[in-house]
PDB file of N, CA and C in Angstrom:
ATOM      1  N   UNK A   1     -91.990 -24.833  90.608  1.00  0.00           N
ATOM      2  CA  UNK A   1     -90.693 -24.676  90.948  1.00  0.00           C
ATOM      3  C   UNK A   1     -90.241 -25.045  92.273  1.00  0.00           C
ATOM      4  N   UNK A   2     -91.299 -24.950  93.254  1.00  0.00           N
ATOM      5  CA  UNK A   2     -90.992 -25.387  94.554  1.00  0.00           C
ATOM      6  C   UNK A   2     -90.624 -27.011  94.580  1.00  0.00           C
ATOM      7  N   UNK A   3     -91.584 -27.612  93.678  1.00  0.00           N
ATOM      8  CA  UNK A   3     -91.446 -29.062  93.642  1.00  0.00           C
ATOM      9  C   UNK A   3     -89.869 -29.422  93.095  1.00  0.00           C
ATOM     10  N   UNK A   4     -89.405 -28.634  92.015  1.00  0.00           N
ATOM     11  CA  UNK A   4     -88.102 -28.875  91.442  1.00  0.00           C
ATOM     12  C   UNK A   4     -86.982 -28.661  92.373  1.00  0.00           C
ATOM     13  N   UNK A   5     -87.122 -27.666  93.267  1.00  0.00           N
ATOM     14  CA  UNK A   5     -86.097 -27.374  94.242  1.00  0.00           C
ATOM     15  C   UNK A   5     -86.113 -28.567  95.366  1.00  0.00           C
ATOM     16  N   UNK A   6     -87.355 -29.021  95.812  1.00  0.00           N
ATOM     17  CA  UNK A   6     -87.359 -30.197  96.698  1.00  0.00           C
ATOM     18  C   UNK A   6     -86.877 -31.395  96.231  1.00  0.00           C
ATOM     19  N   UNK A   7     -86.993 -31.628  94.875  1.00  0.00           N
ATOM     20  CA  UNK A   7     -86.483 -32.799  94.140  1.00  0.00           C
ATOM     21  C   UNK A   7     -84.972 -32.682  94.103  1.00  0.00           C
ATOM     22  N   UNK A   8     -84.454 -31.582  93.835  1.00  0.00           N
ATOM     23  CA  UNK A   8     -82.957 -31.259  93.708  1.00  0.00           C
ATOM     24  C   UNK A   8     -82.310 -31.545  95.175  1.00  0.00           C
ATOM     25  N   UNK A   9     -82.979 -30.901  96.150  1.00  0.00           N
ATOM     26  CA  UNK A   9     -82.487 -31.340  97.402  1.00  0.00           C
ATOM     27  C   UNK A   9     -82.511 -32.620  97.818  1.00  0.00           C
ATOM     28  N   UNK A  10     -83.477 -33.178  97.617  1.00  0.00           N
ATOM     29  CA  UNK A  10     -83.557 -34.795  97.859  1.00  0.00           C
ATOM     30  C   UNK A  10     -82.371 -35.604  97.127  1.00  0.00           C
ATOM     31  N   UNK A  11     -82.168 -35.023  95.910  1.00  0.00           N
ATOM     32  CA  UNK A  11     -81.005 -35.741  95.084  1.00  0.00           C
ATOM     33  C   UNK A  11     -79.881 -35.420  95.753  1.00  0.00           C
ATOM     34  N   UNK A  12     -79.558 -34.202  96.261  1.00  0.00           N
ATOM     35  CA  UNK A  12     -78.339 -33.755  96.819  1.00  0.00           C
ATOM     36  C   UNK A  12     -78.093 -34.619  98.153  1.00  0.00           C
ATOM     37  N   UNK A  13     -79.134 -34.813  98.881  1.00  0.00           N
ATOM     38  CA  UNK A  13     -79.092 -35.862 100.042  1.00  0.00           C
ATOM     39  C   UNK A  13     -78.639 -37.093  99.794  1.00  0.00           C
ATOM     40  N   UNK A  14     -79.258 -37.785  98.718  1.00  0.00           N
ATOM     41  CA  UNK A  14     -79.113 -39.069  98.332  1.00  0.00           C
ATOM     42  C   UNK A  14     -77.608 -39.146  97.789  1.00  0.00           C
ATOM     43  N   UNK A  15     -77.167 -38.075  97.117  1.00  0.00           N
ATOM     44  CA  UNK A  15     -75.765 -38.195  96.701  1.00  0.00           C
ATOM     45  C   UNK A  15     -74.808 -38.060  97.680  1.00  0.00           C
ATOM     46  N   UNK A  16     -75.042 -37.303  98.886  1.00  0.00           N
ATOM     47  CA  UNK A  16     -74.148 -37.260  99.859  1.00  0.00           C
ATOM     48  C   UNK A  16     -73.982 -38.802 100.596  1.00  0.00           C
ATOM     49  N   UNK A  17     -75.027 -39.426 100.573  1.00  0.00           N
ATOM     50  CA  UNK A  17     -75.024 -40.790 101.121  1.00  0.00           C
ATOM     51  C   UNK A  17     -74.682 -41.856 100.116  1.00  0.00           C
ATOM     52  N   UNK A  18     -74.545 -41.519  98.912  1.00  0.00           N
ATOM     53  CA  UNK A  18     -74.609 -42.586  97.912  1.00  0.00           C
ATOM     54  C   UNK A  18     -73.071 -43.050  97.712  1.00  0.00           C
ATOM     55  N   UNK A  19     -71.963 -42.411  98.027  1.00  0.00           N
ATOM     56  CA  UNK A  19     -70.705 -42.975  97.802  1.00  0.00           C
ATOM     57  C   UNK A  19     -70.329 -42.682  96.429  1.00  0.00           C
ATOM     58  N   UNK A  20     -69.413 -43.514  95.723  1.00  0.00           N
ATOM     59  CA  UNK A  20     -68.824 -43.367  94.577  1.00  0.00           C
ATOM     60  C   UNK A  20     -69.683 -44.112  93.513  1.00  0.00           C
ATOM     61  N   UNK A  21     -70.440 -44.987  93.741  1.00  0.00           N
ATOM     62  CA  UNK A  21     -70.909 -46.024  92.836  1.00  0.00           C
ATOM     63  C   UNK A  21     -72.461 -45.865  92.836  1.00  0.00           C
ATOM     64  N   UNK A  22     -73.224 -45.967  91.767  1.00  0.00           N
ATOM     65  CA  UNK A  22     -74.709 -45.940  91.651  1.00  0.00           C
ATOM     66  C   UNK A  22     -75.441 -46.924  92.324  1.00  0.00           C
ATOM     67  N   UNK A  23     -74.866 -48.294  92.300  1.00  0.00           N
ATOM     68  CA  UNK A  23     -75.592 -49.226  93.107  1.00  0.00           C
ATOM     69  C   UNK A  23     -74.668 -49.874  94.095  1.00  0.00           C
ATOM     70  N   UNK A  24     -75.286 -50.278  95.231  1.00  0.00           N
ATOM     71  CA  UNK A  24     -74.413 -50.909  96.240  1.00  0.00           C
ATOM     72  C   UNK A  24     -73.852 -52.248  95.725  1.00  0.00           C
ATOM     73  N   UNK A  25     -72.732 -52.555  96.268  1.00  0.00           N
ATOM     74  CA  UNK A  25     -72.064 -53.850  96.057  1.00  0.00           C
ATOM     75  C   UNK A  25     -72.731 -54.818  96.955  1.00  0.00           C
ATOM     76  N   UNK A  26     -72.902 -56.128  96.449  1.00  0.00           N
ATOM     77  CA  UNK A  26     -73.536 -57.204  97.258  1.00  0.00           C
ATOM     78  C   UNK A  26     -72.731 -57.500  98.465  1.00  0.00           C
ATOM     79  N   UNK A  27     -73.514 -57.596  99.602  1.00  0.00           N
ATOM     80  CA  UNK A  27     -73.114 -57.935 100.923  1.00  0.00           C
ATOM     81  C   UNK A  27     -74.025 -59.028 101.477  1.00  0.00           C
ATOM     82  N   UNK A  28     -73.413 -59.970 102.022  1.00  0.00           N
ATOM     83  CA  UNK A  28     -74.307 -60.908 102.872  1.00  0.00           C
ATOM     84  C   UNK A  28     -75.095 -60.418 103.895  1.00  0.00           C
ATOM     85  N   UNK A  29     -76.185 -60.736 104.286  1.00  0.00           N
ATOM     86  CA  UNK A  29     -77.155 -60.229 105.117  1.00  0.00           C
ATOM     87  C   UNK A  29     -76.440 -60.245 106.684  1.00  0.00           C
ATOM     88  N   UNK A  30     -75.623 -61.403 106.724  1.00  0.00           N
ATOM     89  CA  UNK A  30     -74.929 -61.276 108.161  1.00  0.00           C
ATOM     90  C   UNK A  30     -73.959 -60.126 108.289  1.00  0.00           C
ATOM     91  N   UNK A  31     -73.433 -59.653 107.207  1.00  0.00           N
ATOM     92  CA  UNK A  31     -72.548 -58.245 107.426  1.00  0.00           C
ATOM     93  C   UNK A  31     -73.322 -57.053 107.808  1.00  0.00           C
ATOM     94  N   UNK A  32     -74.504 -56.941 107.332  1.00  0.00           N
ATOM     95  CA  UNK A  32     -75.423 -55.944 107.723  1.00  0.00           C
ATOM     96  C   UNK A  32     -75.756 -56.032 109.178  1.00  0.00           C
ATOM     97  N   UNK A  33     -76.091 -57.247 109.683  1.00  0.00           N
ATOM     98  CA  UNK A  33     -76.554 -57.677 110.896  1.00  0.00           C
ATOM     99  C   UNK A  33     -75.317 -57.059 111.794  1.00  0.00           C
ATOM    100  N   UNK A  34     -74.438 -57.664 111.508  1.00  0.00           N
ATOM    101  CA  UNK A  34     -73.107 -57.328 112.394  1.00  0.00           C
ATOM    102  C   UNK A  34     -72.853 -55.764 112.377  1.00  0.00           C
ATOM    103  N   UNK A  35     -73.021 -55.149 111.357  1.00  0.00           N
ATOM    104  CA  UNK A  35     -72.825 -53.700 111.330  1.00  0.00           C
ATOM    105  C   UNK A  35     -73.970 -53.134 112.289  1.00  0.00           C
ATOM    106  N   UNK A  36     -75.164 -53.576 112.174  1.00  0.00           N
ATOM    107  CA  UNK A  36     -76.141 -52.914 113.024  1.00  0.00           C
ATOM    108  C   UNK A  36     -76.153 -53.378 114.409  1.00  0.00           C
ATOM    109  N   UNK A  37     -75.462 -54.159 114.791  1.00  0.00           N
ATOM    110  CA  UNK A  37     -75.077 -54.578 116.331  1.00  0.00           C
ATOM    111  C   UNK A  37     -74.618 -53.319 116.803  1.00  0.00           C
ATOM    112  N   UNK A  38     -73.721 -52.457 116.157  1.00  0.00           N
ATOM    113  CA  UNK A  38     -72.903 -51.360 116.881  1.00  0.00           C
ATOM    114  C   UNK A  38     -73.702 -50.165 116.254  1.00  0.00           C
ATOM    115  N   UNK A  39     -74.374 -50.178 115.060  1.00  0.00           N
ATOM    116  CA  UNK A  39     -75.000 -48.913 114.732  1.00  0.00           C
ATOM    117  C   UNK A  39     -76.391 -49.445 114.035  1.00  0.00           C
ATOM    118  N   UNK A  40     -77.405 -49.056 114.813  1.00  0.00           N
ATOM    119  CA  UNK A  40     -78.816 -49.744 114.629  1.00  0.00           C
ATOM    120  C   UNK A  40     -79.415 -49.243 113.199  1.00  0.00           C
ATOM    121  N   UNK A  41     -80.047 -50.295 112.696  1.00  0.00           N
ATOM    122  CA  UNK A  41     -80.822 -50.120 111.548  1.00  0.00           C
ATOM    123  C   UNK A  41     -82.008 -49.010 111.841  1.00  0.00           C
ATOM    124  N   UNK A  42     -82.380 -48.094 110.920  1.00  0.00           N
ATOM    125  CA  UNK A  42     -83.411 -47.160 111.299  1.00  0.00           C
ATOM    126  C   UNK A  42     -82.824 -45.865 111.657  1.00  0.00           C
ATOM    127  N   UNK A  43     -81.603 -45.867 112.086  1.00  0.00           N
ATOM    128  CA  UNK A  43     -80.826 -44.592 112.420  1.00  0.00           C
ATOM    129  C   UNK A  43     -80.642 -44.122 111.278  1.00  0.00           C
ATOM    130  N   UNK A  44     -80.688 -42.815 110.827  1.00  0.00           N
ATOM    131  CA  UNK A  44     -80.459 -42.087 109.622  1.00  0.00           C
ATOM    132  C   UNK A  44     -78.693 -42.069 109.397  1.00  0.00           C
ATOM    133  N   UNK A  45     -78.144 -41.883 110.318  1.00  0.00           N
ATOM    134  CA  UNK A  45     -76.753 -41.872 110.093  1.00  0.00           C
ATOM    135  C   UNK A  45     -76.233 -43.206 109.929  1.00  0.00           C
ATOM    136  N   UNK A  46     -76.616 -44.179 110.626  1.00  0.00           N
ATOM    137  CA  UNK A  46     -76.318 -45.582 110.404  1.00  0.00           C
ATOM    138  C   UNK A  46     -76.615 -46.113 109.025  1.00  0.00           C
ATOM    139  N   UNK A  47     -77.881 -45.718 108.617  1.00  0.00           N
ATOM    140  CA  UNK A  47     -78.362 -46.252 107.391  1.00  0.00           C
ATOM    141  C   UNK A  47     -77.491 -45.707 106.300  1.00  0.00           C
ATOM    142  N   UNK A  48     -77.133 -44.313 106.395  1.00  0.00           N
ATOM    143  CA  UNK A  48     -76.448 -43.604 105.446  1.00  0.00           C
ATOM    144  C   UNK A  48     -74.952 -44.136 105.435  1.00  0.00           C
ATOM    145  N   UNK A  49     -74.374 -44.358 106.393  1.00  0.00           N
ATOM    146  CA  UNK A  49     -73.088 -44.984 106.510  1.00  0.00           C
ATOM    147  C   UNK A  49     -72.968 -46.388 106.005  1.00  0.00           C
ATOM    148  N   UNK A  50     -74.043 -47.056 106.099  1.00  0.00           N
ATOM    149  CA  UNK A  50     -73.984 -48.541 105.484  1.00  0.00           C
ATOM    150  C   UNK A  50     -74.096 -48.374 104.036  1.00  0.00           C
ATOM    151  N   UNK A  51     -74.904 -47.661 103.593  1.00  0.00           N
ATOM    152  CA  UNK A  51     -75.115 -47.290 102.357  1.00  0.00           C
ATOM    153  C   UNK A  51     -73.876 -46.809 101.594  1.00  0.00           C
ATOM    154  N   UNK A  52     -73.111 -45.831 102.069  1.00  0.00           N
ATOM    155  CA  UNK A  52     -71.884 -45.449 101.579  1.00  0.00           C
ATOM    156  C   UNK A  52     -70.831 -46.540 101.553  1.00  0.00           C
ATOM    157  N   UNK A  53     -70.883 -47.092 102.508  1.00  0.00           N
ATOM    158  CA  UNK A  53     -69.670 -48.455 102.722  1.00  0.00           C
ATOM    159  C   UNK A  53     -70.059 -49.234 101.592  1.00  0.00           C
ATOM    160  N   UNK A  54     -71.107 -49.649 101.391  1.00  0.00           N
ATOM    161  CA  UNK A  54     -71.533 -50.706 100.413  1.00  0.00           C
ATOM    162  C   UNK A  54     -71.332 -50.207  98.853  1.00  0.00           C
ATOM    163  N   UNK A  55     -71.275 -48.940  98.838  1.00  0.00           N
ATOM    164  CA  UNK A  55     -71.239 -48.360  97.429  1.00  0.00           C
ATOM    165  C   UNK A  55     -69.588 -48.016  97.174  1.00  0.00           C
ATOM    166  N   UNK A  56     -68.864 -47.824  98.199  1.00  0.00           N
ATOM    167  CA  UNK A  56     -67.542 -47.323  98.163  1.00  0.00           C
ATOM    168  C   UNK A  56     -66.590 -48.760  98.145  1.00  0.00           C
ATOM    169  N   UNK A  57     -67.029 -49.783  98.660  1.00  0.00           N
ATOM    170  CA  UNK A  57     -66.065 -50.870  98.548  1.00  0.00           C
ATOM    171  C   UNK A  57     -66.817 -52.341  98.609  1.00  0.00           C
ATOM    172  N   UNK A  58     -66.063 -53.356  98.109  1.00  0.00           N
ATOM    173  CA  UNK A  58     -66.604 -54.476  97.938  1.00  0.00           C
ATOM    174  C   UNK A  58     -66.741 -55.180  99.330  1.00  0.00           C
ATOM    175  N   UNK A  59     -67.601 -56.155  99.412  1.00  0.00           N
ATOM    176  CA  UNK A  59     -67.450 -57.143 100.596  1.00  0.00           C
ATOM    177  C   UNK A  59     -66.150 -57.554 101.084  1.00  0.00           C
ATOM    178  N   UNK A  60     -65.233 -58.067 100.147  1.00  0.00           N
ATOM    179  CA  UNK A  60     -63.984 -58.564 100.451  1.00  0.00           C
ATOM    180  C   UNK A  60     -63.108 -57.470 101.003  1.00  0.00           C
ATOM    181  N   UNK A  61     -63.340 -56.177 100.338  1.00  0.00           N
ATOM    182  CA  UNK A  61     -62.548 -55.147 100.889  1.00  0.00           C
ATOM    183  C   UNK A  61     -62.881 -54.631 102.163  1.00  0.00           C
ATOM    184  N   UNK A  62     -64.391 -54.659 102.409  1.00  0.00           N
ATOM    185  CA  UNK A  62     -64.845 -54.327 103.863  1.00  0.00           C
ATOM    186  C   UNK A  62     -64.234 -55.338 104.865  1.00  0.00           C
ATOM    187  N   UNK A  63     -64.359 -56.745 104.413  1.00  0.00           N
ATOM    188  CA  UNK A  63     -63.788 -57.686 105.429  1.00  0.00           C
ATOM    189  C   UNK A  63     -62.434 -57.437 105.797  1.00  0.00           C
ATOM    190  N   UNK A  64     -61.570 -57.184 104.756  1.00  0.00           N
ATOM    191  CA  UNK A  64     -60.025 -57.049 104.960  1.00  0.00           C
ATOM    192  C   UNK A  64     -59.998 -55.640 105.729  1.00  0.00           C
ATOM    193  N   UNK A  65     -60.643 -54.640 105.513  1.00  0.00           N
ATOM    194  CA  UNK A  65     -60.579 -53.421 106.225  1.00  0.00           C
ATOM    195  C   UNK A  65     -60.936 -53.664 107.742  1.00  0.00           C
ATOM    196  N   UNK A  66     -61.862 -54.488 108.091  1.00  0.00           N
ATOM    197  CA  UNK A  66     -62.305 -54.834 109.478  1.00  0.00           C
ATOM    198  C   UNK A  66     -61.355 -55.476 110.289  1.00  0.00           C
ATOM    199  N   UNK A  67     -60.721 -56.405 109.557  1.00  0.00           N
ATOM    200  CA  UNK A  67     -59.627 -57.298 110.029  1.00  0.00           C
ATOM    201  C   UNK A  67     -58.254 -56.439 110.493  1.00  0.00           C
ATOM    202  N   UNK A  68     -58.071 -55.377 109.411  1.00  0.00           N
ATOM    203  CA  UNK A  68     -57.002 -54.562 109.660  1.00  0.00           C
ATOM    204  C   UNK A  68     -57.258 -53.692 110.890  1.00  0.00           C
ATOM    205  N   UNK A  69     -58.486 -53.080 110.928  1.00  0.00           N
ATOM    206  CA  UNK A  69     -58.924 -52.315 112.007  1.00  0.00           C
ATOM    207  C   UNK A  69     -58.736 -53.025 113.379  1.00  0.00           C
ATOM    208  N   UNK A  70     -59.154 -54.401 113.336  1.00  0.00           N
ATOM    209  CA  UNK A  70     -59.006 -54.949 114.709  1.00  0.00           C
ATOM    210  C   UNK A  70     -57.697 -55.378 114.875  1.00  0.00           C
ATOM    211  N   UNK A  71     -56.803 -55.718 114.062  1.00  0.00           N
ATOM    212  CA  UNK A  71     -55.442 -56.254 114.126  1.00  0.00           C
ATOM    213  C   UNK A  71     -54.494 -55.067 114.413  1.00  0.00           C
ATOM    214  N   UNK A  72     -54.760 -54.025 113.680  1.00  0.00           N
ATOM    215  CA  UNK A  72     -53.774 -52.898 113.800  1.00  0.00           C
ATOM    216  C   UNK A  72     -54.195 -51.527 114.369  1.00  0.00           C
ATOM    217  N   UNK A  73     -55.437 -51.573 114.457  1.00  0.00           N
ATOM    218  CA  UNK A  73     -56.089 -50.251 115.051  1.00  0.00           C
ATOM    219  C   UNK A  73     -56.080 -49.197 113.967  1.00  0.00           C
ATOM    220  N   UNK A  74     -55.955 -49.550 112.663  1.00  0.00           N
ATOM    221  CA  UNK A  74     -56.088 -48.374 111.554  1.00  0.00           C
ATOM    222  C   UNK A  74     -57.330 -48.649 111.069  1.00  0.00           C
ATOM    223  N   UNK A  75     -58.220 -47.462 110.763  1.00  0.00           N
ATOM    224  CA  UNK A  75     -59.431 -47.600 110.236  1.00  0.00           C
ATOM    225  C   UNK A  75     -59.141 -47.130 108.764  1.00  0.00           C
ATOM    226  N   UNK A  76     -59.756 -47.970 107.743  1.00  0.00           N
ATOM    227  CA  UNK A  76     -59.536 -47.676 106.241  1.00  0.00           C
ATOM    228  C   UNK A  76     -60.200 -46.314 106.077  1.00  0.00           C
ATOM    229  N   UNK A  77     -59.593 -45.565 105.167  1.00  0.00           N
ATOM    230  CA  UNK A  77     -60.072 -44.321 104.975  1.00  0.00           C
ATOM    231  C   UNK A  77     -61.502 -44.226 104.236  1.00  0.00           C
ATOM    232  N   UNK A  78     -61.767 -45.288 103.647  1.00  0.00           N
ATOM    233  CA  UNK A  78     -63.108 -45.312 102.978  1.00  0.00           C
ATOM    234  C   UNK A  78     -64.134 -45.494 104.080  1.00  0.00           C
ATOM    235  N   UNK A  79     -63.921 -46.236 105.096  1.00  0.00           N
ATOM    236  CA  UNK A  79     -64.879 -46.340 106.111  1.00  0.00           C
ATOM    237  C   UNK A  79     -64.946 -44.971 106.981  1.00  0.00           C
ATOM    238  N   UNK A  80     -63.837 -44.470 107.206  1.00  0.00           N
ATOM    239  CA  UNK A  80     -63.628 -43.266 107.936  1.00  0.00           C
ATOM    240  C   UNK A  80     -64.556 -42.160 107.185  1.00  0.00           C
ATOM    241  N   UNK A  81     -64.385 -42.110 105.946  1.00  0.00           N
ATOM    242  CA  UNK A  81     -65.052 -41.054 104.978  1.00  0.00           C
ATOM    243  C   UNK A  81     -66.699 -41.461 104.965  1.00  0.00           C
ATOM    244  N   UNK A  82     -66.873 -42.399 104.887  1.00  0.00           N
ATOM    245  CA  UNK A  82     -68.364 -42.895 104.849  1.00  0.00           C
ATOM    246  C   UNK A  82     -69.137 -42.514 106.193  1.00  0.00           C
ATOM    247  N   UNK A  83     -68.360 -42.787 107.290  1.00  0.00           N
ATOM    248  CA  UNK A  83     -68.918 -42.047 108.606  1.00  0.00           C
ATOM    249  C   UNK A  83     -69.130 -40.753 108.725  1.00  0.00           C
ATOM    250  N   UNK A  84     -67.962 -39.968 108.362  1.00  0.00           N
ATOM    251  CA  UNK A  84     -67.901 -38.661 108.615  1.00  0.00           C
ATOM    252  C   UNK A  84     -68.784 -37.973 107.593  1.00  0.00           C
ATOM    253  N   UNK A  85     -69.033 -38.481 106.452  1.00  0.00           N
ATOM    254  CA  UNK A  85     -69.923 -37.641 105.442  1.00  0.00           C
ATOM    255  C   UNK A  85     -71.260 -37.792 106.056  1.00  0.00           C
ATOM    256  N   UNK A  86     -71.632 -38.964 106.505  1.00  0.00           N
ATOM    257  CA  UNK A  86     -73.126 -39.067 106.983  1.00  0.00           C
ATOM    258  C   UNK A  86     -73.267 -38.360 108.384  1.00  0.00           C
ATOM    259  N   UNK A  87     -72.292 -37.882 109.049  1.00  0.00           N
ATOM    260  CA  UNK A  87     -72.447 -37.426 110.568  1.00  0.00           C
ATOM    261  C   UNK A  87     -72.619 -35.926 110.212  1.00  0.00           C
ATOM    262  N   UNK A  88     -72.177 -35.401 108.906  1.00  0.00           N
ATOM    263  CA  UNK A  88     -72.304 -33.995 108.736  1.00  0.00           C
ATOM    264  C   UNK A  88     -73.702 -33.540 108.658  1.00  0.00           C
TER     265      UNK A  88
END
């Protein structure tokens, strides 16, 4: 019974970081490298956030969201949600 509870807890944690989609959308390695310049790989919050982003939006949507953020100072709600969920 203890193993079942641990497995369920693990699935809940993965679900919290997993976003809306079962598998991540494909992203070029350069996108992850760029993300990791500001949020280092290996940090649990950063890894969770990247996983959530890649599941919540396509690379094209991500690029446009980043352009909009730089141009207008507005953060796409999917990016904000990914970050907030992983920091909880």
